Amino acid sequence: MRNGGTLPLPPYGAAVLDAVRNRRPVNTFIMAGPDAWNRHKNRSDRVVLPPDTSPDDFDWRIFRGCSPTIIGDDADHVRLKRLAWILLRAGAKLVCVIFDDGGVTRAVFYRNG
């Protein structure tokens, strides 16, 4: 599915797009890292940034005006920070990135403006 651009939506992004179009509240998590598919577990409030893909491979404009949370592994921090920047450029208001290395969890917040 396309969102008026040349890039596909991230996996399961159609549910987010539907919620935004129908003005339903959007509180969405973006699962990233090697365990991303398992973390999704068929939940409608989660999209996936598949392992071995770049955040640049997808159209993230579905998060315009939203405040998504990215959950991923600390070892993937460069890719997760890149995704946060792309989300802000696409119009997200606030992005929370939760880095989890299995023992220590930390959150970093990014915002527009």
PDB file of N, CA and C in Angstrom:
ATOM      1  N   MET A   1       0.837  -1.180   0.000  1.00  0.00           N
ATOM      2  CA  MET A   1       0.000   0.000   0.000  1.00  0.00           C
ATOM      3  C   MET A   1       0.876   1.236   0.000  1.00  0.00           C
ATOM      4  N   ARG A   2       0.480   2.238  -0.732  1.00  0.00           N
ATOM      5  CA  ARG A   2       1.234   3.482  -0.821  1.00  0.00           C
ATOM      6  C   ARG A   2       0.453   4.600  -0.157  1.00  0.00           C
ATOM      7  N   ASN A   3       1.183   5.613   0.283  1.00  0.00           N
ATOM      8  CA  ASN A   3       0.572   6.736   0.971  1.00  0.00           C
ATOM      9  C   ASN A   3       0.790   8.009   0.158  1.00  0.00           C
ATOM     10  N   GLY A   4       0.478   7.981  -1.112  1.00  0.00           N
ATOM     11  CA  GLY A   4       0.611   9.150  -1.959  1.00  0.00           C
ATOM     12  C   GLY A   4       2.050   9.471  -2.304  1.00  0.00           C
ATOM     13  N   GLY A   5       2.998   8.633  -1.912  1.00  0.00           N
ATOM     14  CA  GLY A   5       4.401   8.864  -2.208  1.00  0.00           C
ATOM     15  C   GLY A   5       4.974   7.716  -2.997  1.00  0.00           C
ATOM     16  N   THR A   6       6.272   7.661  -3.042  1.00  0.00           N
ATOM     17  CA  THR A   6       6.921   6.607  -3.804  1.00  0.00           C
ATOM     18  C   THR A   6       7.393   5.454  -2.933  1.00  0.00           C
ATOM     19  N   LEU A   7       7.280   5.601  -1.624  1.00  0.00           N
ATOM     20  CA  LEU A   7       7.731   4.554  -0.712  1.00  0.00           C
ATOM     21  C   LEU A   7       6.542   3.826  -0.092  1.00  0.00           C
ATOM     22  N   PRO A   8       6.710   2.548   0.239  1.00  0.00           N
ATOM     23  CA  PRO A   8       5.615   1.826   0.907  1.00  0.00           C
ATOM     24  C   PRO A   8       5.505   2.226   2.370  1.00  0.00           C
ATOM     25  N   LEU A   9       4.335   1.994   2.925  1.00  0.00           N
ATOM     26  CA  LEU A   9       4.161   2.170   4.365  1.00  0.00           C
ATOM     27  C   LEU A   9       4.965   1.093   5.083  1.00  0.00           C
ATOM     28  N   PRO A  10       5.355   1.339   6.335  1.00  0.00           N
ATOM     29  CA  PRO A  10       6.014   0.268   7.085  1.00  0.00           C
ATOM     30  C   PRO A  10       5.024  -0.867   7.314  1.00  0.00           C
ATOM     31  N   PRO A  11       5.510  -2.088   7.556  1.00  0.00           N
ATOM     32  CA  PRO A  11       4.591  -3.190   7.834  1.00  0.00           C
ATOM     33  C   PRO A  11       3.595  -2.828   8.939  1.00  0.00           C
ATOM     34  N   TYR A  12       2.335  -3.093   8.662  1.00  0.00           N
ATOM     35  CA  TYR A  12       1.201  -2.818   9.545  1.00  0.00           C
ATOM     36  C   TYR A  12       0.872  -1.333   9.650  1.00  0.00           C
ATOM     37  N   GLY A  13       1.451  -0.520   8.793  1.00  0.00           N
ATOM     38  CA  GLY A  13       1.186   0.916   8.798  1.00  0.00           C
ATOM     39  C   GLY A  13      -0.205   1.282   8.324  1.00  0.00           C
ATOM     40  N   ALA A  14      -0.854   0.400   7.588  1.00  0.00           N
ATOM     41  CA  ALA A  14      -2.205   0.694   7.088  1.00  0.00           C
ATOM     42  C   ALA A  14      -3.188   0.922   8.229  1.00  0.00           C
ATOM     43  N   ALA A  15      -3.017   0.219   9.340  1.00  0.00           N
ATOM     44  CA  ALA A  15      -3.916   0.407  10.490  1.00  0.00           C
ATOM     45  C   ALA A  15      -3.745   1.799  11.096  1.00  0.00           C
ATOM     46  N   VAL A  16      -2.514   2.291  11.131  1.00  0.00           N
ATOM     47  CA  VAL A  16      -2.257   3.646  11.624  1.00  0.00           C
ATOM     48  C   VAL A  16      -2.866   4.664  10.677  1.00  0.00           C
ATOM     49  N   LEU A  17      -2.653   4.466   9.389  1.00  0.00           N
ATOM     50  CA  LEU A  17      -3.214   5.374   8.394  1.00  0.00           C
ATOM     51  C   LEU A  17      -4.734   5.418   8.500  1.00  0.00           C
ATOM     52  N   ASP A  18      -5.370   4.281   8.681  1.00  0.00           N
ATOM     53  CA  ASP A  18      -6.819   4.220   8.826  1.00  0.00           C
ATOM     54  C   ASP A  18      -7.281   5.001  10.063  1.00  0.00           C
ATOM     55  N   ALA A  19      -6.570   4.839  11.177  1.00  0.00           N
ATOM     56  CA  ALA A  19      -6.931   5.557  12.410  1.00  0.00           C
ATOM     57  C   ALA A  19      -6.793   7.063  12.227  1.00  0.00           C
ATOM     58  N   VAL A  20      -5.720   7.491  11.583  1.00  0.00           N
ATOM     59  CA  VAL A  20      -5.510   8.923  11.353  1.00  0.00           C
ATOM     60  C   VAL A  20      -6.596   9.482  10.443  1.00  0.00           C
ATOM     61  N   ARG A  21      -6.888   8.771   9.369  1.00  0.00           N
ATOM     62  CA  ARG A  21      -7.911   9.232   8.423  1.00  0.00           C
ATOM     63  C   ARG A  21      -9.287   9.323   9.070  1.00  0.00           C
ATOM     64  N   ASN A  22      -9.566   8.432  10.021  1.00  0.00           N
ATOM     65  CA  ASN A  22     -10.863   8.420  10.688  1.00  0.00           C
ATOM     66  C   ASN A  22     -10.850   9.167  12.018  1.00  0.00           C
ATOM     67  N   ARG A  23      -9.783   9.928  12.241  1.00  0.00           N
ATOM     68  CA  ARG A  23      -9.636  10.785  13.420  1.00  0.00           C
ATOM     69  C   ARG A  23      -9.788  10.035  14.742  1.00  0.00           C
ATOM     70  N   ARG A  24      -9.295   8.793  14.742  1.00  0.00           N
ATOM     71  CA  ARG A  24      -9.245   8.023  15.981  1.00  0.00           C
ATOM     72  C   ARG A  24      -7.905   8.297  16.660  1.00  0.00           C
ATOM     73  N   PRO A  25      -7.853   8.231  17.978  1.00  0.00           N
ATOM     74  CA  PRO A  25      -6.575   8.467  18.672  1.00  0.00           C
ATOM     75  C   PRO A  25      -5.509   7.469  18.214  1.00  0.00           C
ATOM     76  N   VAL A  26      -4.313   7.967  18.065  1.00  0.00           N
ATOM     77  CA  VAL A  26      -3.212   7.116  17.619  1.00  0.00           C
ATOM     78  C   VAL A  26      -2.118   7.134  18.683  1.00  0.00           C
ATOM     79  N   ASN A  27      -1.904   6.003  19.307  1.00  0.00           N
ATOM     80  CA  ASN A  27      -0.822   5.817  20.272  1.00  0.00           C
ATOM     81  C   ASN A  27      -0.062   4.597  19.787  1.00  0.00           C
ATOM     82  N   THR A  28       0.948   4.826  18.964  1.00  0.00           N
ATOM     83  CA  THR A  28       1.554   3.725  18.236  1.00  0.00           C
ATOM     84  C   THR A  28       2.995   3.465  18.643  1.00  0.00           C
ATOM     85  N   PHE A  29       3.328   2.195  18.647  1.00  0.00           N
ATOM     86  CA  PHE A  29       4.684   1.742  18.904  1.00  0.00           C
ATOM     87  C   PHE A  29       5.293   1.247  17.604  1.00  0.00           C
ATOM     88  N   ILE A  30       6.566   1.538  17.398  1.00  0.00           N
ATOM     89  CA  ILE A  30       7.305   1.034  16.248  1.00  0.00           C
ATOM     90  C   ILE A  30       8.313   0.043  16.795  1.00  0.00           C
ATOM     91  N   MET A  31       8.154  -1.206  16.435  1.00  0.00           N
ATOM     92  CA  MET A  31       9.046  -2.262  16.889  1.00  0.00           C
ATOM     93  C   MET A  31      10.236  -2.343  15.938  1.00  0.00           C
ATOM     94  N   ALA A  32      11.444  -2.357  16.485  1.00  0.00           N
ATOM     95  CA  ALA A  32      12.656  -2.421  15.671  1.00  0.00           C
ATOM     96  C   ALA A  32      13.608  -3.434  16.283  1.00  0.00           C
ATOM     97  N   GLY A  33      14.624  -3.790  15.537  1.00  0.00           N
ATOM     98  CA  GLY A  33      15.631  -4.721  16.029  1.00  0.00           C
ATOM     99  C   GLY A  33      15.328  -6.153  15.643  1.00  0.00           C
ATOM    100  N   PRO A  34      16.211  -7.066  16.033  1.00  0.00           N
ATOM    101  CA  PRO A  34      16.074  -8.461  15.608  1.00  0.00           C
ATOM    102  C   PRO A  34      14.809  -9.145  16.103  1.00  0.00           C
ATOM    103  N   ASP A  35      14.219  -8.654  17.186  1.00  0.00           N
ATOM    104  CA  ASP A  35      13.023  -9.269  17.754  1.00  0.00           C
ATOM    105  C   ASP A  35      11.750  -8.509  17.373  1.00  0.00           C
ATOM    106  N   ALA A  36      11.838  -7.643  16.357  1.00  0.00           N
ATOM    107  CA  ALA A  36      10.723  -6.761  16.005  1.00  0.00           C
ATOM    108  C   ALA A  36       9.440  -7.519  15.673  1.00  0.00           C
ATOM    109  N   TRP A  37       9.546  -8.584  14.902  1.00  0.00           N
ATOM    110  CA  TRP A  37       8.339  -9.316  14.500  1.00  0.00           C
ATOM    111  C   TRP A  37       7.678  -9.968  15.714  1.00  0.00           C
ATOM    112  N   ASN A  38       8.465 -10.518  16.633  1.00  0.00           N
ATOM    113  CA  ASN A  38       7.896 -11.127  17.838  1.00  0.00           C
ATOM    114  C   ASN A  38       7.248 -10.096  18.744  1.00  0.00           C
ATOM    115  N   ARG A  39       7.837  -8.911  18.799  1.00  0.00           N
ATOM    116  CA  ARG A  39       7.271  -7.853  19.637  1.00  0.00           C
ATOM    117  C   ARG A  39       5.951  -7.328  19.074  1.00  0.00           C
ATOM    118  N   HIS A  40       5.752  -7.472  17.785  1.00  0.00           N
ATOM    119  CA  HIS A  40       4.516  -6.970  17.170  1.00  0.00           C
ATOM    120  C   HIS A  40       3.315  -7.772  17.641  1.00  0.00           C
ATOM    121  N   LYS A  41       3.383  -9.074  17.517  1.00  0.00           N
ATOM    122  CA  LYS A  41       2.356 -10.012  17.984  1.00  0.00           C
ATOM    123  C   LYS A  41       0.934  -9.612  17.571  1.00  0.00           C
ATOM    124  N   ASN A  42       0.785  -9.222  16.307  1.00  0.00           N
ATOM    125  CA  ASN A  42      -0.530  -8.932  15.720  1.00  0.00           C
ATOM    126  C   ASN A  42      -1.329  -7.875  16.475  1.00  0.00           C
ATOM    127  N   ARG A  43      -0.669  -6.903  17.035  1.00  0.00           N
ATOM    128  CA  ARG A  43      -1.363  -5.818  17.724  1.00  0.00           C
ATOM    129  C   ARG A  43      -1.536  -4.655  16.769  1.00  0.00           C
ATOM    130  N   SER A  44      -2.704  -4.060  16.768  1.00  0.00           N
ATOM    131  CA  SER A  44      -2.997  -2.993  15.816  1.00  0.00           C
ATOM    132  C   SER A  44      -2.320  -1.674  16.164  1.00  0.00           C
ATOM    133  N   ASP A  45      -1.770  -1.566  17.381  1.00  0.00           N
ATOM    134  CA  ASP A  45      -1.106  -0.317  17.760  1.00  0.00           C
ATOM    135  C   ASP A  45       0.403  -0.377  17.524  1.00  0.00           C
ATOM    136  N   ARG A  46       0.858  -1.374  16.775  1.00  0.00           N
ATOM    137  CA  ARG A  46       2.291  -1.537  16.535  1.00  0.00           C
ATOM    138  C   ARG A  46       2.584  -1.705  15.055  1.00  0.00           C
ATOM    139  N   VAL A  47       3.596  -1.006  14.591  1.00  0.00           N
ATOM    140  CA  VAL A  47       4.126  -1.230  13.252  1.00  0.00           C
ATOM    141  C   VAL A  47       5.545  -1.753  13.419  1.00  0.00           C
ATOM    142  N   VAL A  48       6.146  -2.207  12.337  1.00  0.00           N
ATOM    143  CA  VAL A  48       7.455  -2.843  12.417  1.00  0.00           C
ATOM    144  C   VAL A  48       8.439  -2.158  11.473  1.00  0.00           C
ATOM    145  N   LEU A  49       9.630  -1.899  11.986  1.00  0.00           N
ATOM    146  CA  LEU A  49      10.781  -1.577  11.142  1.00  0.00           C
ATOM    147  C   LEU A  49      11.577  -2.872  11.073  1.00  0.00           C
ATOM    148  N   PRO A  50      11.422  -3.616   9.970  1.00  0.00           N
ATOM    149  CA  PRO A  50      12.045  -4.943   9.910  1.00  0.00           C
ATOM    150  C   PRO A  50      13.566  -4.888  10.047  1.00  0.00           C
ATOM    151  N   PRO A  51      14.136  -5.924  10.656  1.00  0.00           N
ATOM    152  CA  PRO A  51      15.600  -6.015  10.703  1.00  0.00           C
ATOM    153  C   PRO A  51      16.150  -5.979   9.278  1.00  0.00           C
ATOM    154  N   ASP A  52      17.343  -5.495   9.134  1.00  0.00           N
ATOM    155  CA  ASP A  52      18.021  -5.429   7.835  1.00  0.00           C
ATOM    156  C   ASP A  52      17.329  -4.506   6.840  1.00  0.00           C
ATOM    157  N   THR A  53      16.542  -3.548   7.336  1.00  0.00           N
ATOM    158  CA  THR A  53      15.998  -2.512   6.458  1.00  0.00           C
ATOM    159  C   THR A  53      16.415  -1.166   7.024  1.00  0.00           C
ATOM    160  N   SER A  54      16.331  -0.169   6.190  1.00  0.00           N
ATOM    161  CA  SER A  54      16.643   1.192   6.603  1.00  0.00           C
ATOM    162  C   SER A  54      15.338   1.937   6.861  1.00  0.00           C
ATOM    163  N   PRO A  55      15.318   2.856   7.808  1.00  0.00           N
ATOM    164  CA  PRO A  55      14.126   3.685   7.984  1.00  0.00           C
ATOM    165  C   PRO A  55      13.789   4.467   6.712  1.00  0.00           C
ATOM    166  N   ASP A  56      14.796   4.697   5.885  1.00  0.00           N
ATOM    167  CA  ASP A  56      14.596   5.421   4.615  1.00  0.00           C
ATOM    168  C   ASP A  56      13.795   4.612   3.602  1.00  0.00           C
ATOM    169  N   ASP A  57      13.573   3.329   3.863  1.00  0.00           N
ATOM    170  CA  ASP A  57      12.864   2.453   2.926  1.00  0.00           C
ATOM    171  C   ASP A  57      11.346   2.615   2.979  1.00  0.00           C
ATOM    172  N   PHE A  58      10.839   3.388   3.962  1.00  0.00           N
ATOM    173  CA  PHE A  58       9.389   3.456   4.172  1.00  0.00           C
ATOM    174  C   PHE A  58       8.891   4.893   4.248  1.00  0.00           C
ATOM    175  N   ASP A  59       7.592   5.039   4.027  1.00  0.00           N
ATOM    176  CA  ASP A  59       6.909   6.325   4.116  1.00  0.00           C
ATOM    177  C   ASP A  59       6.336   6.449   5.529  1.00  0.00           C
ATOM    178  N   TRP A  60       6.895   7.350   6.318  1.00  0.00           N
ATOM    179  CA  TRP A  60       6.507   7.521   7.720  1.00  0.00           C
ATOM    180  C   TRP A  60       5.552   8.690   7.934  1.00  0.00           C
ATOM    181  N   ARG A  61       5.057   9.297   6.857  1.00  0.00           N
ATOM    182  CA  ARG A  61       4.165  10.461   6.993  1.00  0.00           C
ATOM    183  C   ARG A  61       2.856  10.115   7.693  1.00  0.00           C
ATOM    184  N   ILE A  62       2.549   8.852   7.851  1.00  0.00           N
ATOM    185  CA  ILE A  62       1.338   8.456   8.578  1.00  0.00           C
ATOM    186  C   ILE A  62       1.386   8.913  10.031  1.00  0.00           C
ATOM    187  N   PHE A  63       2.579   9.260  10.517  1.00  0.00           N
ATOM    188  CA  PHE A  63       2.738   9.704  11.901  1.00  0.00           C
ATOM    189  C   PHE A  63       2.707  11.224  12.049  1.00  0.00           C
ATOM    190  N   ARG A  64       2.355  11.935  10.983  1.00  0.00           N
ATOM    191  CA  ARG A  64       2.249  13.395  11.064  1.00  0.00           C
ATOM    192  C   ARG A  64       1.240  13.760  12.152  1.00  0.00           C
ATOM    193  N   GLY A  65       1.646  14.601  13.087  1.00  0.00           N
ATOM    194  CA  GLY A  65       0.782  15.029  14.174  1.00  0.00           C
ATOM    195  C   GLY A  65       0.689  14.042  15.325  1.00  0.00           C
ATOM    196  N   CYS A  66       1.372  12.918  15.234  1.00  0.00           N
ATOM    197  CA  CYS A  66       1.323  11.880  16.266  1.00  0.00           C
ATOM    198  C   CYS A  66       2.599  11.917  17.119  1.00  0.00           C
ATOM    199  N   SER A  67       2.617  11.108  18.151  1.00  0.00           N
ATOM    200  CA  SER A  67       3.786  10.987  19.029  1.00  0.00           C
ATOM    201  C   SER A  67       4.118   9.508  19.227  1.00  0.00           C
ATOM    202  N   PRO A  68       4.761   8.889  18.237  1.00  0.00           N
ATOM    203  CA  PRO A  68       5.048   7.457  18.335  1.00  0.00           C
ATOM    204  C   PRO A  68       6.195   7.141  19.296  1.00  0.00           C
ATOM    205  N   THR A  69       6.217   5.898  19.747  1.00  0.00           N
ATOM    206  CA  THR A  69       7.291   5.367  20.583  1.00  0.00           C
ATOM    207  C   THR A  69       7.998   4.271  19.805  1.00  0.00           C
ATOM    208  N   ILE A  70       9.312   4.369  19.713  1.00  0.00           N
ATOM    209  CA  ILE A  70      10.124   3.356  19.042  1.00  0.00           C
ATOM    210  C   ILE A  70      10.730   2.474  20.123  1.00  0.00           C
ATOM    211  N   ILE A  71      10.599   1.168  19.971  1.00  0.00           N
ATOM    212  CA  ILE A  71      11.186   0.227  20.924  1.00  0.00           C
ATOM    213  C   ILE A  71      12.167  -0.658  20.171  1.00  0.00           C
ATOM    214  N   GLY A  72      13.408  -0.663  20.620  1.00  0.00           N
ATOM    215  CA  GLY A  72      14.427  -1.460  19.941  1.00  0.00           C
ATOM    216  C   GLY A  72      15.605  -1.763  20.835  1.00  0.00           C
ATOM    217  N   ASP A  73      16.588  -2.414  20.240  1.00  0.00           N
ATOM    218  CA  ASP A  73      17.785  -2.820  20.971  1.00  0.00           C
ATOM    219  C   ASP A  73      18.817  -1.708  20.969  1.00  0.00           C
ATOM    220  N   ASP A  74      19.551  -1.604  22.070  1.00  0.00           N
ATOM    221  CA  ASP A  74      20.582  -0.582  22.180  1.00  0.00           C
ATOM    222  C   ASP A  74      21.632  -0.729  21.087  1.00  0.00           C
ATOM    223  N   ALA A  75      21.903  -1.948  20.654  1.00  0.00           N
ATOM    224  CA  ALA A  75      22.896  -2.171  19.608  1.00  0.00           C
ATOM    225  C   ALA A  75      22.476  -1.555  18.279  1.00  0.00           C
ATOM    226  N   ASP A  76      21.207  -1.239  18.148  1.00  0.00           N
ATOM    227  CA  ASP A  76      20.640  -0.688  16.908  1.00  0.00           C
ATOM    228  C   ASP A  76      20.433   0.827  17.024  1.00  0.00           C
ATOM    229  N   HIS A  77      21.159   1.478  17.951  1.00  0.00           N
ATOM    230  CA  HIS A  77      20.860   2.873  18.275  1.00  0.00           C
ATOM    231  C   HIS A  77      21.011   3.831  17.104  1.00  0.00           C
ATOM    232  N   VAL A  78      21.948   3.615  16.206  1.00  0.00           N
ATOM    233  CA  VAL A  78      22.134   4.527  15.072  1.00  0.00           C
ATOM    234  C   VAL A  78      20.900   4.493  14.170  1.00  0.00           C
ATOM    235  N   ARG A  79      20.399   3.318  13.891  1.00  0.00           N
ATOM    236  CA  ARG A  79      19.215   3.175  13.029  1.00  0.00           C
ATOM    237  C   ARG A  79      17.973   3.739  13.719  1.00  0.00           C
ATOM    238  N   LEU A  80      17.854   3.555  15.027  1.00  0.00           N
ATOM    239  CA  LEU A  80      16.694   4.067  15.745  1.00  0.00           C
ATOM    240  C   LEU A  80      16.711   5.592  15.817  1.00  0.00           C
ATOM    241  N   LYS A  81      17.874   6.177  16.011  1.00  0.00           N
ATOM    242  CA  LYS A  81      17.978   7.638  15.997  1.00  0.00           C
ATOM    243  C   LYS A  81      17.648   8.185  14.613  1.00  0.00           C
ATOM    244  N   ARG A  82      18.075   7.495  13.584  1.00  0.00           N
ATOM    245  CA  ARG A  82      17.754   7.896  12.209  1.00  0.00           C
ATOM    246  C   ARG A  82      16.236   7.865  12.012  1.00  0.00           C
ATOM    247  N   LEU A  83      15.585   6.820  12.491  1.00  0.00           N
ATOM    248  CA  LEU A  83      14.131   6.724  12.379  1.00  0.00           C
ATOM    249  C   LEU A  83      13.458   7.871  13.121  1.00  0.00           C
ATOM    250  N   ALA A  84      13.943   8.204  14.318  1.00  0.00           N
ATOM    251  CA  ALA A  84      13.363   9.319  15.079  1.00  0.00           C
ATOM    252  C   ALA A  84      13.460  10.615  14.272  1.00  0.00           C
ATOM    253  N   TRP A  85      14.594  10.860  13.676  1.00  0.00           N
ATOM    254  CA  TRP A  85      14.788  12.071  12.864  1.00  0.00           C
ATOM    255  C   TRP A  85      13.838  12.074  11.671  1.00  0.00           C
ATOM    256  N   ILE A  86      13.689  10.940  11.001  1.00  0.00           N
ATOM    257  CA  ILE A  86      12.783  10.836   9.856  1.00  0.00           C
ATOM    258  C   ILE A  86      11.338  11.086  10.290  1.00  0.00           C
ATOM    259  N   LEU A  87      10.946  10.533  11.435  1.00  0.00           N
ATOM    260  CA  LEU A  87       9.584  10.742  11.937  1.00  0.00           C
ATOM    261  C   LEU A  87       9.326  12.223  12.225  1.00  0.00           C
ATOM    262  N   LEU A  88      10.280  12.895  12.830  1.00  0.00           N
ATOM    263  CA  LEU A  88      10.114  14.329  13.094  1.00  0.00           C
ATOM    264  C   LEU A  88      10.018  15.115  11.793  1.00  0.00           C
ATOM    265  N   ARG A  89      10.848  14.766  10.840  1.00  0.00           N
ATOM    266  CA  ARG A  89      10.797  15.431   9.529  1.00  0.00           C
ATOM    267  C   ARG A  89       9.468  15.172   8.836  1.00  0.00           C
ATOM    268  N   ALA A  90       8.865  14.027   9.106  1.00  0.00           N
ATOM    269  CA  ALA A  90       7.569  13.680   8.506  1.00  0.00           C
ATOM    270  C   ALA A  90       6.407  14.347   9.235  1.00  0.00           C
ATOM    271  N   GLY A  91       6.684  15.040  10.349  1.00  0.00           N
ATOM    272  CA  GLY A  91       5.635  15.779  11.039  1.00  0.00           C
ATOM    273  C   GLY A  91       5.205  15.239  12.388  1.00  0.00           C
ATOM    274  N   ALA A  92       5.904  14.227  12.912  1.00  0.00           N
ATOM    275  CA  ALA A  92       5.572  13.760  14.263  1.00  0.00           C
ATOM    276  C   ALA A  92       5.857  14.886  15.259  1.00  0.00           C
ATOM    277  N   LYS A  93       5.028  14.973  16.294  1.00  0.00           N
ATOM    278  CA  LYS A  93       5.210  16.020  17.299  1.00  0.00           C
ATOM    279  C   LYS A  93       6.326  15.685  18.275  1.00  0.00           C
ATOM    280  N   LEU A  94       6.321  14.461  18.745  1.00  0.00           N
ATOM    281  CA  LEU A  94       7.273  13.991  19.742  1.00  0.00           C
ATOM    282  C   LEU A  94       7.563  12.533  19.448  1.00  0.00           C
ATOM    283  N   VAL A  95       8.819  12.136  19.577  1.00  0.00           N
ATOM    284  CA  VAL A  95       9.198  10.742  19.371  1.00  0.00           C
ATOM    285  C   VAL A  95       9.971  10.283  20.600  1.00  0.00           C
ATOM    286  N   CYS A  96       9.533   9.179  21.180  1.00  0.00           N
ATOM    287  CA  CYS A  96      10.238   8.560  22.295  1.00  0.00           C
ATOM    288  C   CYS A  96      10.932   7.312  21.764  1.00  0.00           C
ATOM    289  N   VAL A  97      12.233   7.201  22.017  1.00  0.00           N
ATOM    290  CA  VAL A  97      12.977   6.003  21.627  1.00  0.00           C
ATOM    291  C   VAL A  97      13.370   5.279  22.906  1.00  0.00           C
ATOM    292  N   ILE A  98      12.924   4.038  23.030  1.00  0.00           N
ATOM    293  CA  ILE A  98      13.277   3.211  24.180  1.00  0.00           C
ATOM    294  C   ILE A  98      14.318   2.200  23.723  1.00  0.00           C
ATOM    295  N   PHE A  99      15.504   2.332  24.302  1.00  0.00           N
ATOM    296  CA  PHE A  99      16.607   1.425  24.009  1.00  0.00           C
ATOM    297  C   PHE A  99      16.633   0.367  25.108  1.00  0.00           C
ATOM    298  N   ASP A 100      16.626  -0.899  24.707  1.00  0.00           N
ATOM    299  CA  ASP A 100      16.617  -1.990  25.675  1.00  0.00           C
ATOM    300  C   ASP A 100      17.739  -2.950  25.329  1.00  0.00           C
ATOM    301  N   ASP A 101      18.666  -3.131  26.242  1.00  0.00           N
ATOM    302  CA  ASP A 101      19.756  -4.073  25.981  1.00  0.00           C
ATOM    303  C   ASP A 101      19.593  -5.365  26.768  1.00  0.00           C
ATOM    304  N   GLY A 102      18.409  -5.571  27.322  1.00  0.00           N
ATOM    305  CA  GLY A 102      18.152  -6.779  28.087  1.00  0.00           C
ATOM    306  C   GLY A 102      18.428  -6.628  29.578  1.00  0.00           C
ATOM    307  N   GLY A 103      19.132  -5.596  29.964  1.00  0.00           N
ATOM    308  CA  GLY A 103      19.413  -5.380  31.376  1.00  0.00           C
ATOM    309  C   GLY A 103      19.098  -3.962  31.810  1.00  0.00           C
ATOM    310  N   VAL A 104      19.417  -3.021  30.947  1.00  0.00           N
ATOM    311  CA  VAL A 104      19.177  -1.609  31.236  1.00  0.00           C
ATOM    312  C   VAL A 104      18.301  -1.036  30.134  1.00  0.00           C
ATOM    313  N   THR A 105      17.253  -0.358  30.540  1.00  0.00           N
ATOM    314  CA  THR A 105      16.362   0.270  29.571  1.00  0.00           C
ATOM    315  C   THR A 105      16.475   1.775  29.759  1.00  0.00           C
ATOM    316  N   ARG A 106      16.612   2.498  28.644  1.00  0.00           N
ATOM    317  CA  ARG A 106      16.661   3.950  28.736  1.00  0.00           C
ATOM    318  C   ARG A 106      15.789   4.541  27.642  1.00  0.00           C
ATOM    319  N   ALA A 107      15.264   5.713  27.906  1.00  0.00           N
ATOM    320  CA  ALA A 107      14.400   6.403  26.949  1.00  0.00           C
ATOM    321  C   ALA A 107      15.016   7.740  26.585  1.00  0.00           C
ATOM    322  N   VAL A 108      14.912   8.090  25.318  1.00  0.00           N
ATOM    323  CA  VAL A 108      15.359   9.380  24.811  1.00  0.00           C
ATOM    324  C   VAL A 108      14.184   9.998  24.061  1.00  0.00           C
ATOM    325  N   PHE A 109      13.936  11.273  24.317  1.00  0.00           N
ATOM    326  CA  PHE A 109      12.829  11.965  23.670  1.00  0.00           C
ATOM    327  C   PHE A 109      13.354  12.970  22.657  1.00  0.00           C
ATOM    328  N   TYR A 110      12.706  13.025  21.506  1.00  0.00           N
ATOM    329  CA  TYR A 110      13.014  13.988  20.460  1.00  0.00           C
ATOM    330  C   TYR A 110      11.719  14.723  20.139  1.00  0.00           C
ATOM    331  N   ARG A 111      11.803  16.021  19.873  1.00  0.00           N
ATOM    332  CA  ARG A 111      10.596  16.749  19.531  1.00  0.00           C
ATOM    333  C   ARG A 111      10.868  17.784  18.455  1.00  0.00           C
ATOM    334  N   ASN A 112       9.818  18.144  17.763  1.00  0.00           N
ATOM    335  CA  ASN A 112       9.899  19.203  16.762  1.00  0.00           C
ATOM    336  C   ASN A 112       9.862  20.545  17.451  1.00  0.00           C
ATOM    337  N   GLY A 113      10.597  21.472  16.909  1.00  0.00           N
ATOM    338  CA  GLY A 113      10.553  22.846  17.413  1.00  0.00           C
ATOM    339  C   GLY A 113      11.575  23.044  18.407  1.00  0.00           C
TER     340      GLY A 113
END
